[in-house]
PDB file of N, CA and C in Angstrom:
ATOM      1  N   MET A   1      21.107  33.623   5.081  1.00  0.00           N
ATOM      2  CA  MET A   1      21.462  32.362   4.517  1.00  0.00           C
ATOM      3  C   MET A   1      20.860  31.174   5.497  1.00  0.00           C
ATOM      4  N   VAL A   2      20.635  31.236   6.823  1.00  0.00           N
ATOM      5  CA  VAL A   2      19.930  30.626   7.641  1.00  0.00           C
ATOM      6  C   VAL A   2      18.577  30.423   7.222  1.00  0.00           C
ATOM      7  N   LYS A   3      18.090  31.658   6.943  1.00  0.00           N
ATOM      8  CA  LYS A   3      16.473  31.578   6.812  1.00  0.00           C
ATOM      9  C   LYS A   3      16.115  30.918   5.365  1.00  0.00           C
ATOM     10  N   THR A   4      17.195  31.161   4.379  1.00  0.00           N
ATOM     11  CA  THR A   4      17.013  30.379   3.220  1.00  0.00           C
ATOM     12  C   THR A   4      16.895  28.771   3.443  1.00  0.00           C
ATOM     13  N   PHE A   5      17.760  28.311   4.165  1.00  0.00           N
ATOM     14  CA  PHE A   5      17.807  26.723   4.345  1.00  0.00           C
ATOM     15  C   PHE A   5      16.634  26.425   5.077  1.00  0.00           C
ATOM     16  N   LYS A   6      16.052  27.128   6.072  1.00  0.00           N
ATOM     17  CA  LYS A   6      14.998  26.623   6.779  1.00  0.00           C
ATOM     18  C   LYS A   6      13.793  26.916   5.872  1.00  0.00           C
ATOM     19  N   PHE A   7      13.857  27.738   4.925  1.00  0.00           N
ATOM     20  CA  PHE A   7      12.516  27.907   4.161  1.00  0.00           C
ATOM     21  C   PHE A   7      12.659  26.694   3.088  1.00  0.00           C
ATOM     22  N   ILE A   8      13.560  26.354   2.528  1.00  0.00           N
ATOM     23  CA  ILE A   8      13.739  25.217   1.710  1.00  0.00           C
ATOM     24  C   ILE A   8      13.465  23.743   2.383  1.00  0.00           C
ATOM     25  N   TYR A   9      14.018  23.787   3.433  1.00  0.00           N
ATOM     26  CA  TYR A   9      13.641  22.752   4.115  1.00  0.00           C
ATOM     27  C   TYR A   9      12.217  22.308   4.689  1.00  0.00           C
ATOM     28  N   SER A  10      11.585  23.477   4.986  1.00  0.00           N
ATOM     29  CA  SER A  10      10.053  23.490   5.409  1.00  0.00           C
ATOM     30  C   SER A  10       9.250  23.037   4.018  1.00  0.00           C
ATOM     31  N   ILE A  11       9.930  23.638   3.144  1.00  0.00           N
ATOM     32  CA  ILE A  11       9.132  23.415   1.628  1.00  0.00           C
ATOM     33  C   ILE A  11       9.221  22.181   1.183  1.00  0.00           C
ATOM     34  N   ILE A  12      10.302  21.276   1.482  1.00  0.00           N
ATOM     35  CA  ILE A  12      10.604  19.901   1.127  1.00  0.00           C
ATOM     36  C   ILE A  12       9.734  19.154   2.027  1.00  0.00           C
ATOM     37  N   ILE A  13       9.904  19.568   3.378  1.00  0.00           N
ATOM     38  CA  ILE A  13       9.072  18.637   4.412  1.00  0.00           C
ATOM     39  C   ILE A  13       7.672  18.949   4.099  1.00  0.00           C
ATOM     40  N   PHE A  14       7.070  19.810   3.618  1.00  0.00           N
ATOM     41  CA  PHE A  14       5.536  20.096   3.232  1.00  0.00           C
ATOM     42  C   PHE A  14       5.162  19.448   2.022  1.00  0.00           C
ATOM     43  N   LEU A  15       6.134  19.505   1.025  1.00  0.00           N
ATOM     44  CA  LEU A  15       5.574  19.067  -0.308  1.00  0.00           C
ATOM     45  C   LEU A  15       5.940  17.404  -0.495  1.00  0.00           C
ATOM     46  N   SER A  16       6.757  16.878   0.587  1.00  0.00           N
ATOM     47  CA  SER A  16       7.041  15.463   0.329  1.00  0.00           C
ATOM     48  C   SER A  16       6.053  14.443   0.300  1.00  0.00           C
ATOM     49  N   PRO A  17       5.153  14.765   1.164  1.00  0.00           N
ATOM     50  CA  PRO A  17       3.756  13.660   1.024  1.00  0.00           C
ATOM     51  C   PRO A  17       2.996  13.603  -0.272  1.00  0.00           C
ATOM     52  N   PHE A  18       3.030  14.784  -0.708  1.00  0.00           N
ATOM     53  CA  PHE A  18       2.546  14.891  -2.085  1.00  0.00           C
ATOM     54  C   PHE A  18       3.247  14.560  -3.186  1.00  0.00           C
ATOM     55  N   LEU A  19       4.271  14.329  -3.096  1.00  0.00           N
ATOM     56  CA  LEU A  19       5.142  13.938  -4.346  1.00  0.00           C
ATOM     57  C   LEU A  19       5.369  12.493  -4.251  1.00  0.00           C
ATOM     58  N   VAL A  20       5.114  11.843  -2.897  1.00  0.00           N
ATOM     59  CA  VAL A  20       5.281  10.284  -2.910  1.00  0.00           C
ATOM     60  C   VAL A  20       4.110   9.579  -3.219  1.00  0.00           C
ATOM     61  N   VAL A  21       4.023   8.888  -4.090  1.00  0.00           N
ATOM     62  CA  VAL A  21       3.103   7.920  -4.682  1.00  0.00           C
ATOM     63  C   VAL A  21       3.112   6.584  -3.809  1.00  0.00           C
ATOM     64  N   MET A  22       1.756   6.228  -3.118  1.00  0.00           N
ATOM     65  CA  MET A  22       1.726   5.095  -2.589  1.00  0.00           C
ATOM     66  C   MET A  22       0.657   4.107  -3.376  1.00  0.00           C
ATOM     67  N   ASN A  23       1.219   3.100  -3.623  1.00  0.00           N
ATOM     68  CA  ASN A  23       0.402   2.076  -4.209  1.00  0.00           C
ATOM     69  C   ASN A  23       0.146   0.938  -3.287  1.00  0.00           C
ATOM     70  N   VAL A  24      -0.903   0.937  -2.447  1.00  0.00           N
ATOM     71  CA  VAL A  24      -1.053   0.123  -1.389  1.00  0.00           C
ATOM     72  C   VAL A  24      -1.601  -1.281  -1.853  1.00  0.00           C
ATOM     73  N   ASP A  25      -2.696  -1.252  -2.650  1.00  0.00           N
ATOM     74  CA  ASP A  25      -3.126  -2.454  -3.000  1.00  0.00           C
ATOM     75  C   ASP A  25      -2.687  -3.041  -4.249  1.00  0.00           C
ATOM     76  N   GLY A  26      -2.016  -2.039  -5.186  1.00  0.00           N
ATOM     77  CA  GLY A  26      -1.419  -2.594  -6.385  1.00  0.00           C
ATOM     78  C   GLY A  26      -2.561  -3.057  -7.320  1.00  0.00           C
ATOM     79  N   GLU A  27      -2.211  -3.970  -8.379  1.00  0.00           N
ATOM     80  CA  GLU A  27      -3.069  -4.176  -9.405  1.00  0.00           C
ATOM     81  C   GLU A  27      -4.043  -5.368  -8.877  1.00  0.00           C
ATOM     82  N   LEU A  28      -5.233  -5.029  -9.135  1.00  0.00           N
ATOM     83  CA  LEU A  28      -6.389  -6.008  -8.805  1.00  0.00           C
ATOM     84  C   LEU A  28      -6.280  -7.299  -9.380  1.00  0.00           C
ATOM     85  N   ILE A  29      -6.328  -8.543  -8.574  1.00  0.00           N
ATOM     86  CA  ILE A  29      -6.131  -9.870  -9.176  1.00  0.00           C
ATOM     87  C   ILE A  29      -7.587 -10.376  -9.360  1.00  0.00           C
ATOM     88  N   LYS A  30      -7.956 -10.675 -10.589  1.00  0.00           N
ATOM     89  CA  LYS A  30      -9.272 -11.332 -10.664  1.00  0.00           C
ATOM     90  C   LYS A  30      -9.374 -12.822 -10.291  1.00  0.00           C
ATOM     91  N   CYS A  31     -10.534 -13.287  -9.774  1.00  0.00           N
ATOM     92  CA  CYS A  31     -10.547 -14.620  -9.530  1.00  0.00           C
ATOM     93  C   CYS A  31     -12.097 -15.161  -9.478  1.00  0.00           C
ATOM     94  N   THR A  32     -12.048 -16.306  -9.319  1.00  0.00           N
ATOM     95  CA  THR A  32     -13.559 -16.837  -9.168  1.00  0.00           C
ATOM     96  C   THR A  32     -13.866 -17.712  -8.005  1.00  0.00           C
ATOM     97  N   MET A  33     -12.539 -18.119  -7.381  1.00  0.00           N
ATOM     98  CA  MET A  33     -12.454 -18.850  -5.918  1.00  0.00           C
ATOM     99  C   MET A  33     -11.174 -18.578  -5.365  1.00  0.00           C
ATOM    100  N   ASP A  34     -11.122 -18.905  -3.984  1.00  0.00           N
ATOM    101  CA  ASP A  34      -9.888 -18.761  -3.158  1.00  0.00           C
ATOM    102  C   ASP A  34      -8.813 -19.355  -3.789  1.00  0.00           C
ATOM    103  N   ALA A  35      -8.669 -20.410  -4.303  1.00  0.00           N
ATOM    104  CA  ALA A  35      -7.690 -20.957  -4.950  1.00  0.00           C
ATOM    105  C   ALA A  35      -6.933 -20.115  -6.138  1.00  0.00           C
ATOM    106  N   ASP A  36      -7.615 -19.389  -6.743  1.00  0.00           N
ATOM    107  CA  ASP A  36      -7.073 -18.421  -7.935  1.00  0.00           C
ATOM    108  C   ASP A  36      -6.112 -17.334  -7.096  1.00  0.00           C
ATOM    109  N   CYS A  37      -6.226 -17.213  -5.920  1.00  0.00           N
ATOM    110  CA  CYS A  37      -5.492 -15.852  -5.374  1.00  0.00           C
ATOM    111  C   CYS A  37      -4.194 -16.400  -5.127  1.00  0.00           C
ATOM    112  N   PRO A  38      -2.999 -15.627  -4.883  1.00  0.00           N
ATOM    113  CA  PRO A  38      -1.837 -15.854  -4.616  1.00  0.00           C
ATOM    114  C   PRO A  38      -1.610 -16.339  -3.015  1.00  0.00           C
ATOM    115  N   THR A  39      -0.677 -17.191  -2.894  1.00  0.00           N
ATOM    116  CA  THR A  39      -0.367 -17.462  -1.453  1.00  0.00           C
ATOM    117  C   THR A  39       0.893 -16.575  -0.807  1.00  0.00           C
ATOM    118  N   SER A  40       0.740 -16.426   0.568  1.00  0.00           N
ATOM    119  CA  SER A  40       1.746 -15.661   1.066  1.00  0.00           C
ATOM    120  C   SER A  40       1.662 -16.136   2.756  1.00  0.00           C
ATOM    121  N   LEU A  41       2.890 -15.954   3.351  1.00  0.00           N
ATOM    122  CA  LEU A  41       3.025 -16.434   4.719  1.00  0.00           C
ATOM    123  C   LEU A  41       2.290 -15.764   5.809  1.00  0.00           C
ATOM    124  N   ASN A  42       2.464 -14.482   5.414  1.00  0.00           N
ATOM    125  CA  ASN A  42       1.758 -13.552   6.776  1.00  0.00           C
ATOM    126  C   ASN A  42       0.337 -12.719   6.356  1.00  0.00           C
ATOM    127  N   ARG A  43      -0.087 -13.318   5.077  1.00  0.00           N
ATOM    128  CA  ARG A  43      -1.554 -12.844   4.772  1.00  0.00           C
ATOM    129  C   ARG A  43      -2.293 -13.964   4.273  1.00  0.00           C
ATOM    130  N   LYS A  44      -3.535 -13.953   4.301  1.00  0.00           N
ATOM    131  CA  LYS A  44      -4.504 -14.950   3.778  1.00  0.00           C
ATOM    132  C   LYS A  44      -5.142 -14.005   2.753  1.00  0.00           C
ATOM    133  N   TRP A  45      -5.091 -14.721   1.545  1.00  0.00           N
ATOM    134  CA  TRP A  45      -5.912 -14.066   0.295  1.00  0.00           C
ATOM    135  C   TRP A  45      -7.189 -14.896   0.238  1.00  0.00           C
ATOM    136  N   LEU A  46      -8.139 -13.988   0.034  1.00  0.00           N
ATOM    137  CA  LEU A  46      -9.698 -14.570  -0.347  1.00  0.00           C
ATOM    138  C   LEU A  46     -10.210 -13.801  -1.276  1.00  0.00           C
ATOM    139  N   CYS A  47     -10.954 -14.638  -1.936  1.00  0.00           N
ATOM    140  CA  CYS A  47     -11.856 -14.317  -3.341  1.00  0.00           C
ATOM    141  C   CYS A  47     -13.079 -13.660  -2.946  1.00  0.00           C
ATOM    142  N   ILE A  48     -13.069 -12.054  -2.904  1.00  0.00           N
ATOM    143  CA  ILE A  48     -14.435 -11.544  -2.657  1.00  0.00           C
ATOM    144  C   ILE A  48     -14.840 -10.511  -3.680  1.00  0.00           C
ATOM    145  N   ASN A  49     -15.918 -10.785  -4.235  1.00  0.00           N
ATOM    146  CA  ASN A  49     -16.604 -10.151  -5.482  1.00  0.00           C
ATOM    147  C   ASN A  49     -15.849 -10.098  -6.541  1.00  0.00           C
ATOM    148  N   ASN A  50     -15.076 -11.401  -6.791  1.00  0.00           N
ATOM    149  CA  ASN A  50     -14.282 -11.783  -7.922  1.00  0.00           C
ATOM    150  C   ASN A  50     -13.005 -11.066  -8.003  1.00  0.00           C
ATOM    151  N   ILE A  51     -12.608 -10.215  -6.719  1.00  0.00           N
ATOM    152  CA  ILE A  51     -11.181  -9.705  -6.928  1.00  0.00           C
ATOM    153  C   ILE A  51     -10.586 -10.467  -5.511  1.00  0.00           C
ATOM    154  N   CYS A  52      -9.360 -10.765  -5.727  1.00  0.00           N
ATOM    155  CA  CYS A  52      -8.581 -11.103  -4.459  1.00  0.00           C
ATOM    156  C   CYS A  52      -8.305 -10.088  -3.468  1.00  0.00           C
ATOM    157  N   ARG A  53      -8.407 -10.273  -2.329  1.00  0.00           N
ATOM    158  CA  ARG A  53      -8.481  -9.300  -1.104  1.00  0.00           C
ATOM    159  C   ARG A  53      -7.377 -10.086  -0.127  1.00  0.00           C
ATOM    160  N   LYS A  54      -6.456  -9.227   0.441  1.00  0.00           N
ATOM    161  CA  LYS A  54      -5.757  -9.819   1.401  1.00  0.00           C
ATOM    162  C   LYS A  54      -6.077  -9.470   2.764  1.00  0.00           C
ATOM    163  N   MET A  55      -6.035 -10.442   3.639  1.00  0.00           N
ATOM    164  CA  MET A  55      -6.360 -10.302   4.903  1.00  0.00           C
ATOM    165  C   MET A  55      -5.132 -10.763   6.024  1.00  0.00           C
ATOM    166  N   CYS A  56      -5.204  -9.938   7.019  1.00  0.00           N
ATOM    167  CA  CYS A  56      -3.935 -10.223   8.070  1.00  0.00           C
ATOM    168  C   CYS A  56      -4.354 -11.492   8.709  1.00  0.00           C
ATOM    169  N   VAL A  57      -3.225 -12.123   8.882  1.00  0.00           N
ATOM    170  CA  VAL A  57      -3.195 -13.393   9.664  1.00  0.00           C
ATOM    171  C   VAL A  57      -2.680 -13.258  11.108  1.00  0.00           C
ATOM    172  N   THR A  58      -3.336 -13.608  12.047  1.00  0.00           N
ATOM    173  CA  THR A  58      -2.939 -13.020  13.530  1.00  0.00           C
ATOM    174  C   THR A  58      -2.542 -14.579  14.204  1.00  0.00           C
ATOM    175  N   ASN A  59      -1.562 -14.541  14.824  1.00  0.00           N
ATOM    176  CA  ASN A  59      -1.263 -15.726  15.703  1.00  0.00           C
ATOM    177  C   ASN A  59      -1.596 -15.421  17.141  1.00  0.00           C
ATOM    178  N   VAL A  60      -2.584 -15.983  17.645  1.00  0.00           N
ATOM    179  CA  VAL A  60      -3.172 -15.710  19.160  1.00  0.00           C
ATOM    180  C   VAL A  60      -2.835 -16.986  19.758  1.00  0.00           C
TER     181      VAL A  60
END
């Protein structure tokens, strides 16, 4: 019984990264200048190659 639970637990741990879908950038936002990009408090959006890209803002 314990071996069955360990096996199921290990299968869940092994397969979970493959089942989780990560959408890091999301939908690409088309732009022509920086003003076309959205605003955010902790990110700076720049228009690079007609696509909005987010850059980290650091407080030094």
